[in-house]
Amino acid sequence: MYKKIFGASALLIGIGLGAGAAAATASPTSKTFVVKATGAGVAGGMGTKTAGYAKGTFAVNSVTDTICYRITDHGLGVVQAAHIHAGKKGIDGGVVVTLNVKSFNAMSMSPTCVKVTNAVAKSILKFPTLYYFNVHTAAFPNGAVRAQL
């Protein structure tokens, strides 16, 4: 008898254990996601009060256990934080990756990279729609804009 378990923790545990079904389906070891986070994507409709947006490019790699990113924001005001969270569309979830907001809008050609666990990298690669990118601002501390990966 199998019990359904919801949430990122269960998802990551399943990936970490290398369940038989996961072993049968090969997953890529790297992928790049390009997203445009808008207020319309914020769960609960709070973000629809902002016309600003953020564009992000995220290169996830399960060999190097990194996520390298470039982010630009437009019309959001003072950006306080940004993250990748576990959570399907319309559902808020826990932070799995904290992003450096000081690197936003950087003119540098080099992306900013952050180390992640192998389980997080593999899970994002296998189930990208169960993760989202969001930006928190002074006006919207719970999230101004959001986009699913």
N, C-alpha and C. Protein backbone atom coordinates (compact mmCIF):
# COMPACT_ATOMS: atom_id res chain seq x y z
N MET A 1 0.85 -1.18 0.00
CA MET A 1 0.00 0.00 0.00
C MET A 1 0.89 1.23 0.00
N TYR A 2 0.63 2.16 -0.89
CA TYR A 2 1.40 3.38 -1.00
C TYR A 2 0.57 4.55 -0.51
N LYS A 3 1.21 5.44 0.18
CA LYS A 3 0.56 6.62 0.72
C LYS A 3 1.06 7.83 -0.07
N LYS A 4 0.18 8.71 -0.51
CA LYS A 4 0.61 9.93 -1.20
C LYS A 4 1.19 10.89 -0.19
N ILE A 5 2.34 11.43 -0.52
CA ILE A 5 2.99 12.41 0.34
C ILE A 5 3.21 13.66 -0.49
N PHE A 6 2.79 14.80 0.03
CA PHE A 6 2.94 16.05 -0.69
C PHE A 6 4.02 16.89 -0.03
N GLY A 7 4.65 17.77 -0.84
CA GLY A 7 5.64 18.70 -0.32
C GLY A 7 7.01 18.43 -0.88
N ALA A 8 7.83 19.46 -0.83
CA ALA A 8 9.18 19.39 -1.39
C ALA A 8 10.05 18.40 -0.64
N SER A 9 9.88 18.28 0.67
CA SER A 9 10.71 17.37 1.45
C SER A 9 10.54 15.95 0.96
N ALA A 10 9.31 15.53 0.76
CA ALA A 10 9.06 14.18 0.28
C ALA A 10 9.63 14.01 -1.12
N LEU A 11 9.50 15.03 -1.94
CA LEU A 11 10.02 14.98 -3.29
C LEU A 11 11.53 14.81 -3.27
N LEU A 12 12.20 15.58 -2.45
CA LEU A 12 13.65 15.50 -2.38
C LEU A 12 14.11 14.18 -1.78
N ILE A 13 13.39 13.66 -0.82
CA ILE A 13 13.74 12.37 -0.24
C ILE A 13 13.62 11.29 -1.29
N GLY A 14 12.54 11.33 -2.08
CA GLY A 14 12.36 10.34 -3.15
C GLY A 14 13.49 10.39 -4.16
N ILE A 15 13.94 11.57 -4.52
CA ILE A 15 15.05 11.70 -5.45
C ILE A 15 16.32 11.16 -4.81
N GLY A 16 16.54 11.51 -3.55
CA GLY A 16 17.76 11.08 -2.85
C GLY A 16 17.83 9.57 -2.71
N LEU A 17 16.70 8.89 -2.58
CA LEU A 17 16.70 7.45 -2.42
C LEU A 17 16.85 6.73 -3.75
N GLY A 18 16.68 7.48 -4.85
CA GLY A 18 16.83 6.87 -6.17
C GLY A 18 15.77 5.82 -6.42
N ALA A 19 14.53 6.15 -6.23
CA ALA A 19 13.43 5.21 -6.40
C ALA A 19 13.50 4.54 -7.76
N GLY A 20 13.02 3.30 -7.84
CA GLY A 20 13.11 2.51 -9.06
C GLY A 20 12.54 3.21 -10.27
N ALA A 21 11.41 3.87 -10.13
CA ALA A 21 10.80 4.57 -11.26
C ALA A 21 11.70 5.69 -11.75
N ALA A 22 12.35 6.37 -10.82
CA ALA A 22 13.25 7.45 -11.22
C ALA A 22 14.45 6.91 -11.97
N ALA A 23 14.92 5.75 -11.58
CA ALA A 23 16.09 5.16 -12.24
C ALA A 23 15.76 4.74 -13.67
N ALA A 24 14.50 4.38 -13.92
CA ALA A 24 14.11 3.92 -15.25
C ALA A 24 14.03 5.08 -16.24
N THR A 25 13.81 6.29 -15.79
CA THR A 25 13.70 7.45 -16.66
C THR A 25 14.92 8.33 -16.47
N ALA A 26 15.72 8.45 -17.52
CA ALA A 26 16.93 9.27 -17.43
C ALA A 26 16.55 10.74 -17.38
N SER A 27 17.19 11.48 -16.49
CA SER A 27 16.98 12.91 -16.37
C SER A 27 18.20 13.63 -16.90
N PRO A 28 18.02 14.84 -17.44
CA PRO A 28 19.18 15.60 -17.89
C PRO A 28 20.03 16.02 -16.69
N THR A 29 21.31 16.25 -16.92
CA THR A 29 22.19 16.70 -15.84
C THR A 29 22.29 18.21 -15.80
N SER A 30 21.78 18.89 -16.82
CA SER A 30 21.76 20.35 -16.81
C SER A 30 20.65 20.87 -17.72
N LYS A 31 20.15 22.02 -17.35
CA LYS A 31 19.11 22.65 -18.16
C LYS A 31 19.05 24.12 -17.78
N THR A 32 18.69 24.95 -18.75
CA THR A 32 18.53 26.38 -18.51
C THR A 32 17.06 26.75 -18.61
N PHE A 33 16.60 27.50 -17.61
CA PHE A 33 15.22 27.97 -17.55
C PHE A 33 15.23 29.48 -17.71
N VAL A 34 14.38 30.00 -18.57
CA VAL A 34 14.24 31.44 -18.77
C VAL A 34 12.81 31.80 -18.38
N VAL A 35 12.67 32.71 -17.41
CA VAL A 35 11.33 33.03 -16.91
C VAL A 35 11.14 34.54 -16.81
N LYS A 36 9.89 34.94 -16.85
CA LYS A 36 9.51 36.33 -16.57
C LYS A 36 8.52 36.29 -15.42
N ALA A 37 8.95 36.77 -14.28
CA ALA A 37 8.12 36.78 -13.08
C ALA A 37 7.28 38.05 -13.05
N THR A 38 5.98 37.87 -12.88
CA THR A 38 5.05 39.00 -12.82
C THR A 38 4.21 38.91 -11.56
N GLY A 39 3.52 39.98 -11.28
CA GLY A 39 2.63 40.00 -10.13
C GLY A 39 1.48 39.02 -10.27
N ALA A 40 1.07 38.74 -11.48
CA ALA A 40 -0.03 37.81 -11.70
C ALA A 40 0.31 36.40 -11.23
N GLY A 41 1.60 36.07 -11.16
CA GLY A 41 2.01 34.74 -10.73
C GLY A 41 2.01 34.53 -9.23
N VAL A 42 1.89 35.61 -8.46
CA VAL A 42 1.96 35.51 -7.00
C VAL A 42 0.70 34.86 -6.46
N ALA A 43 0.87 33.84 -5.63
CA ALA A 43 -0.27 33.14 -5.03
C ALA A 43 -1.08 34.12 -4.18
N GLY A 44 -2.38 34.01 -4.24
CA GLY A 44 -3.25 34.87 -3.44
C GLY A 44 -3.56 36.21 -4.08
N GLY A 45 -2.98 36.50 -5.26
CA GLY A 45 -3.31 37.71 -6.00
C GLY A 45 -2.70 39.01 -5.51
N MET A 46 -1.88 38.97 -4.46
CA MET A 46 -1.30 40.22 -3.93
C MET A 46 -0.41 40.93 -4.94
N GLY A 47 0.33 40.17 -5.73
CA GLY A 47 1.27 40.78 -6.65
C GLY A 47 0.64 41.51 -7.81
N THR A 48 -0.64 41.29 -8.06
CA THR A 48 -1.28 41.96 -9.18
C THR A 48 -1.32 43.47 -8.98
N LYS A 49 -0.95 43.93 -7.80
CA LYS A 49 -0.92 45.36 -7.52
C LYS A 49 0.37 46.02 -8.01
N THR A 50 1.29 45.24 -8.58
CA THR A 50 2.52 45.81 -9.11
C THR A 50 2.58 45.58 -10.62
N ALA A 51 3.05 46.59 -11.33
CA ALA A 51 3.23 46.48 -12.78
C ALA A 51 4.66 46.05 -13.11
N GLY A 52 5.51 45.96 -12.10
CA GLY A 52 6.90 45.57 -12.31
C GLY A 52 7.04 44.10 -12.63
N TYR A 53 8.25 43.72 -13.05
CA TYR A 53 8.53 42.32 -13.36
C TYR A 53 10.02 42.05 -13.20
N ALA A 54 10.37 40.78 -13.22
CA ALA A 54 11.77 40.36 -13.17
C ALA A 54 11.97 39.27 -14.20
N LYS A 55 13.05 39.37 -14.95
CA LYS A 55 13.42 38.33 -15.92
C LYS A 55 14.61 37.58 -15.35
N GLY A 56 14.54 36.27 -15.41
CA GLY A 56 15.63 35.46 -14.89
C GLY A 56 16.01 34.33 -15.82
N THR A 57 17.30 34.05 -15.87
CA THR A 57 17.83 32.90 -16.58
C THR A 57 18.57 32.07 -15.54
N PHE A 58 18.18 30.81 -15.41
CA PHE A 58 18.73 29.93 -14.39
C PHE A 58 19.28 28.67 -15.05
N ALA A 59 20.58 28.43 -14.90
CA ALA A 59 21.22 27.23 -15.43
C ALA A 59 21.46 26.28 -14.25
N VAL A 60 20.71 25.19 -14.23
CA VAL A 60 20.79 24.21 -13.14
C VAL A 60 21.67 23.05 -13.62
N ASN A 61 22.64 22.66 -12.78
CA ASN A 61 23.57 21.60 -13.15
C ASN A 61 23.72 20.64 -11.98
N SER A 62 23.35 19.37 -12.20
CA SER A 62 23.44 18.37 -11.13
C SER A 62 24.80 17.68 -11.09
N VAL A 63 25.69 17.98 -12.02
CA VAL A 63 27.06 17.45 -11.97
C VAL A 63 27.91 18.34 -11.06
N THR A 64 27.76 19.66 -11.23
CA THR A 64 28.52 20.61 -10.41
C THR A 64 27.73 21.07 -9.18
N ASP A 65 26.47 20.67 -9.10
CA ASP A 65 25.57 21.07 -8.00
C ASP A 65 25.53 22.59 -7.86
N THR A 66 25.27 23.25 -8.99
CA THR A 66 25.20 24.71 -9.00
C THR A 66 23.95 25.18 -9.74
N ILE A 67 23.54 26.38 -9.38
CA ILE A 67 22.56 27.11 -10.17
C ILE A 67 23.21 28.45 -10.46
N CYS A 68 23.43 28.72 -11.73
CA CYS A 68 24.01 29.99 -12.16
C CYS A 68 22.88 30.81 -12.77
N TYR A 69 22.86 32.10 -12.45
CA TYR A 69 21.72 32.91 -12.85
C TYR A 69 22.11 34.33 -13.20
N ARG A 70 21.23 34.93 -14.03
CA ARG A 70 21.25 36.36 -14.33
C ARG A 70 19.82 36.84 -14.16
N ILE A 71 19.66 37.93 -13.45
CA ILE A 71 18.32 38.46 -13.20
C ILE A 71 18.31 39.97 -13.41
N THR A 72 17.28 40.44 -14.09
CA THR A 72 17.05 41.87 -14.20
C THR A 72 15.63 42.15 -13.70
N ASP A 73 15.47 43.27 -13.03
CA ASP A 73 14.13 43.63 -12.58
C ASP A 73 13.79 45.01 -13.13
N HIS A 74 12.51 45.22 -13.33
CA HIS A 74 12.01 46.46 -13.91
C HIS A 74 10.80 46.94 -13.12
N GLY A 75 10.90 48.14 -12.55
CA GLY A 75 9.77 48.76 -11.89
C GLY A 75 9.34 48.12 -10.59
N LEU A 76 10.23 47.41 -9.92
CA LEU A 76 9.85 46.74 -8.67
C LEU A 76 10.16 47.56 -7.42
N GLY A 77 10.91 48.62 -7.55
CA GLY A 77 11.30 49.38 -6.36
C GLY A 77 12.47 48.70 -5.67
N VAL A 78 12.50 48.81 -4.35
CA VAL A 78 13.63 48.26 -3.58
C VAL A 78 13.45 46.75 -3.43
N VAL A 79 14.36 46.00 -4.08
CA VAL A 79 14.34 44.54 -3.98
C VAL A 79 15.04 44.15 -2.69
N GLN A 80 14.35 43.37 -1.86
CA GLN A 80 14.92 42.95 -0.58
C GLN A 80 15.44 41.53 -0.60
N ALA A 81 14.81 40.65 -1.36
CA ALA A 81 15.22 39.24 -1.39
C ALA A 81 14.67 38.58 -2.65
N ALA A 82 15.28 37.45 -3.00
CA ALA A 82 14.81 36.64 -4.11
C ALA A 82 15.19 35.19 -3.83
N HIS A 83 14.33 34.29 -4.28
CA HIS A 83 14.54 32.88 -3.97
C HIS A 83 14.01 31.99 -5.09
N ILE A 84 14.41 30.74 -5.02
CA ILE A 84 13.72 29.66 -5.71
C ILE A 84 13.05 28.86 -4.59
N HIS A 85 11.75 28.67 -4.73
CA HIS A 85 10.95 27.96 -3.73
C HIS A 85 10.44 26.64 -4.32
N ALA A 86 10.13 25.69 -3.46
CA ALA A 86 9.40 24.50 -3.86
C ALA A 86 7.92 24.84 -3.77
N GLY A 87 7.17 24.55 -4.81
CA GLY A 87 5.73 24.82 -4.79
C GLY A 87 5.17 24.85 -6.19
N LYS A 88 4.09 24.12 -6.38
CA LYS A 88 3.46 24.14 -7.70
C LYS A 88 2.69 25.44 -7.89
N LYS A 89 2.25 25.67 -9.10
CA LYS A 89 1.57 26.91 -9.45
C LYS A 89 0.42 27.20 -8.48
N GLY A 90 0.41 28.43 -7.96
CA GLY A 90 -0.65 28.86 -7.07
C GLY A 90 -0.47 28.47 -5.61
N ILE A 91 0.57 27.70 -5.31
CA ILE A 91 0.81 27.23 -3.94
C ILE A 91 2.16 27.76 -3.46
N ASP A 92 2.17 28.40 -2.30
CA ASP A 92 3.43 28.87 -1.72
C ASP A 92 4.18 27.70 -1.10
N GLY A 93 5.50 27.77 -1.14
CA GLY A 93 6.33 26.71 -0.57
C GLY A 93 7.59 27.26 0.03
N GLY A 94 8.36 26.38 0.61
CA GLY A 94 9.59 26.76 1.29
C GLY A 94 10.72 27.13 0.35
N VAL A 95 11.63 27.95 0.86
CA VAL A 95 12.81 28.37 0.10
C VAL A 95 13.76 27.19 -0.06
N VAL A 96 14.24 26.95 -1.29
CA VAL A 96 15.26 25.93 -1.51
C VAL A 96 16.58 26.56 -1.97
N VAL A 97 16.52 27.77 -2.54
CA VAL A 97 17.73 28.47 -2.97
C VAL A 97 17.54 29.96 -2.71
N THR A 98 18.52 30.57 -2.03
CA THR A 98 18.52 32.02 -1.82
C THR A 98 19.40 32.64 -2.89
N LEU A 99 18.90 33.67 -3.55
CA LEU A 99 19.61 34.34 -4.63
C LEU A 99 20.16 35.68 -4.14
N ASN A 100 21.30 36.08 -4.65
CA ASN A 100 21.95 37.33 -4.26
C ASN A 100 21.34 38.49 -5.03
N VAL A 101 20.58 39.34 -4.35
CA VAL A 101 19.92 40.45 -5.03
C VAL A 101 20.90 41.53 -5.46
N LYS A 102 22.09 41.55 -4.89
CA LYS A 102 23.10 42.55 -5.30
C LYS A 102 23.58 42.29 -6.72
N SER A 103 23.37 41.07 -7.22
CA SER A 103 23.80 40.75 -8.58
C SER A 103 22.73 41.09 -9.61
N PHE A 104 21.54 41.51 -9.19
CA PHE A 104 20.47 41.89 -10.12
C PHE A 104 20.96 43.04 -10.99
N ASN A 105 20.55 43.04 -12.23
CA ASN A 105 20.84 44.12 -13.17
C ASN A 105 22.33 44.36 -13.39
N ALA A 106 23.16 43.40 -13.02
CA ALA A 106 24.61 43.55 -13.18
C ALA A 106 24.97 43.60 -14.66
N MET A 107 25.86 44.49 -14.99
CA MET A 107 26.31 44.63 -16.38
C MET A 107 27.35 43.57 -16.74
N SER A 108 27.80 42.83 -15.76
CA SER A 108 28.80 41.79 -15.97
C SER A 108 28.29 40.72 -16.92
N MET A 109 29.15 40.19 -17.72
CA MET A 109 28.80 39.10 -18.63
C MET A 109 28.73 37.77 -17.87
N SER A 110 29.32 37.70 -16.71
CA SER A 110 29.36 36.45 -15.95
C SER A 110 28.11 36.31 -15.09
N PRO A 111 27.52 35.13 -15.07
CA PRO A 111 26.38 34.91 -14.19
C PRO A 111 26.85 34.74 -12.74
N THR A 112 25.94 34.88 -11.82
CA THR A 112 26.21 34.59 -10.42
C THR A 112 25.85 33.13 -10.19
N CYS A 113 26.68 32.41 -9.47
CA CYS A 113 26.42 30.99 -9.22
C CYS A 113 26.32 30.73 -7.72
N VAL A 114 25.48 29.77 -7.38
CA VAL A 114 25.29 29.36 -6.00
C VAL A 114 25.33 27.83 -5.94
N LYS A 115 25.95 27.30 -4.90
CA LYS A 115 25.99 25.86 -4.69
C LYS A 115 24.66 25.41 -4.10
N VAL A 116 24.21 24.24 -4.54
CA VAL A 116 23.00 23.61 -4.01
C VAL A 116 23.33 22.15 -3.75
N THR A 117 22.47 21.48 -3.01
CA THR A 117 22.70 20.05 -2.82
C THR A 117 22.38 19.32 -4.12
N ASN A 118 22.96 18.15 -4.27
CA ASN A 118 22.71 17.35 -5.45
C ASN A 118 21.23 16.98 -5.55
N ALA A 119 20.60 16.73 -4.42
CA ALA A 119 19.17 16.38 -4.40
C ALA A 119 18.32 17.53 -4.92
N VAL A 120 18.65 18.75 -4.54
CA VAL A 120 17.90 19.93 -5.01
C VAL A 120 18.10 20.08 -6.52
N ALA A 121 19.33 20.01 -6.99
CA ALA A 121 19.60 20.16 -8.43
C ALA A 121 18.84 19.10 -9.23
N LYS A 122 18.92 17.85 -8.81
CA LYS A 122 18.25 16.77 -9.54
C LYS A 122 16.73 16.94 -9.51
N SER A 123 16.19 17.35 -8.39
CA SER A 123 14.75 17.52 -8.27
C SER A 123 14.25 18.65 -9.17
N ILE A 124 14.96 19.78 -9.18
CA ILE A 124 14.57 20.89 -10.07
C ILE A 124 14.62 20.45 -11.52
N LEU A 125 15.66 19.70 -11.90
CA LEU A 125 15.78 19.23 -13.28
C LEU A 125 14.66 18.27 -13.66
N LYS A 126 14.29 17.41 -12.74
CA LYS A 126 13.27 16.41 -13.04
C LYS A 126 11.85 16.97 -12.95
N PHE A 127 11.62 17.89 -12.01
CA PHE A 127 10.28 18.41 -11.76
C PHE A 127 10.27 19.95 -11.73
N PRO A 128 10.69 20.62 -12.79
CA PRO A 128 10.83 22.08 -12.74
C PRO A 128 9.53 22.83 -12.44
N THR A 129 8.40 22.30 -12.85
CA THR A 129 7.14 23.02 -12.60
C THR A 129 6.73 22.98 -11.14
N LEU A 130 7.45 22.22 -10.32
CA LEU A 130 7.17 22.19 -8.89
C LEU A 130 8.05 23.19 -8.13
N TYR A 131 8.71 24.09 -8.88
CA TYR A 131 9.57 25.12 -8.28
C TYR A 131 9.24 26.46 -8.92
N TYR A 132 9.44 27.53 -8.14
CA TYR A 132 9.19 28.86 -8.68
C TYR A 132 10.24 29.85 -8.18
N PHE A 133 10.42 30.89 -8.97
CA PHE A 133 11.32 32.00 -8.68
C PHE A 133 10.45 33.16 -8.24
N ASN A 134 10.83 33.83 -7.14
CA ASN A 134 10.10 35.02 -6.76
C ASN A 134 11.01 36.09 -6.20
N VAL A 135 10.50 37.32 -6.21
CA VAL A 135 11.24 38.48 -5.74
C VAL A 135 10.39 39.18 -4.68
N HIS A 136 11.04 39.53 -3.57
CA HIS A 136 10.39 40.25 -2.48
C HIS A 136 10.87 41.70 -2.50
N THR A 137 9.97 42.63 -2.29
CA THR A 137 10.32 44.05 -2.27
C THR A 137 9.86 44.67 -0.96
N ALA A 138 10.27 45.92 -0.76
CA ALA A 138 9.83 46.65 0.42
C ALA A 138 8.31 46.78 0.44
N ALA A 139 7.70 47.05 -0.71
CA ALA A 139 6.25 47.20 -0.80
C ALA A 139 5.52 45.86 -0.70
N PHE A 140 6.17 44.77 -1.14
CA PHE A 140 5.56 43.43 -1.13
C PHE A 140 6.54 42.44 -0.49
N PRO A 141 6.67 42.47 0.83
CA PRO A 141 7.65 41.61 1.51
C PRO A 141 7.35 40.12 1.41
N ASN A 142 6.11 39.74 1.11
CA ASN A 142 5.79 38.32 0.94
C ASN A 142 5.92 37.86 -0.51
N GLY A 143 6.29 38.76 -1.39
CA GLY A 143 6.48 38.42 -2.79
C GLY A 143 5.79 39.40 -3.70
N ALA A 144 6.56 40.04 -4.58
CA ALA A 144 6.01 40.99 -5.54
C ALA A 144 5.72 40.35 -6.87
N VAL A 145 6.63 39.47 -7.31
CA VAL A 145 6.48 38.80 -8.61
C VAL A 145 6.92 37.35 -8.48
N ARG A 146 6.39 36.52 -9.38
CA ARG A 146 6.67 35.08 -9.30
C ARG A 146 6.51 34.45 -10.67
N ALA A 147 7.31 33.39 -10.92
CA ALA A 147 7.18 32.59 -12.14
C ALA A 147 7.63 31.17 -11.84
N GLN A 148 6.86 30.21 -12.34
CA GLN A 148 7.27 28.80 -12.22
C GLN A 148 8.45 28.57 -13.14
N LEU A 149 9.34 27.67 -12.74
CA LEU A 149 10.44 27.31 -13.63
C LEU A 149 9.89 26.46 -14.77
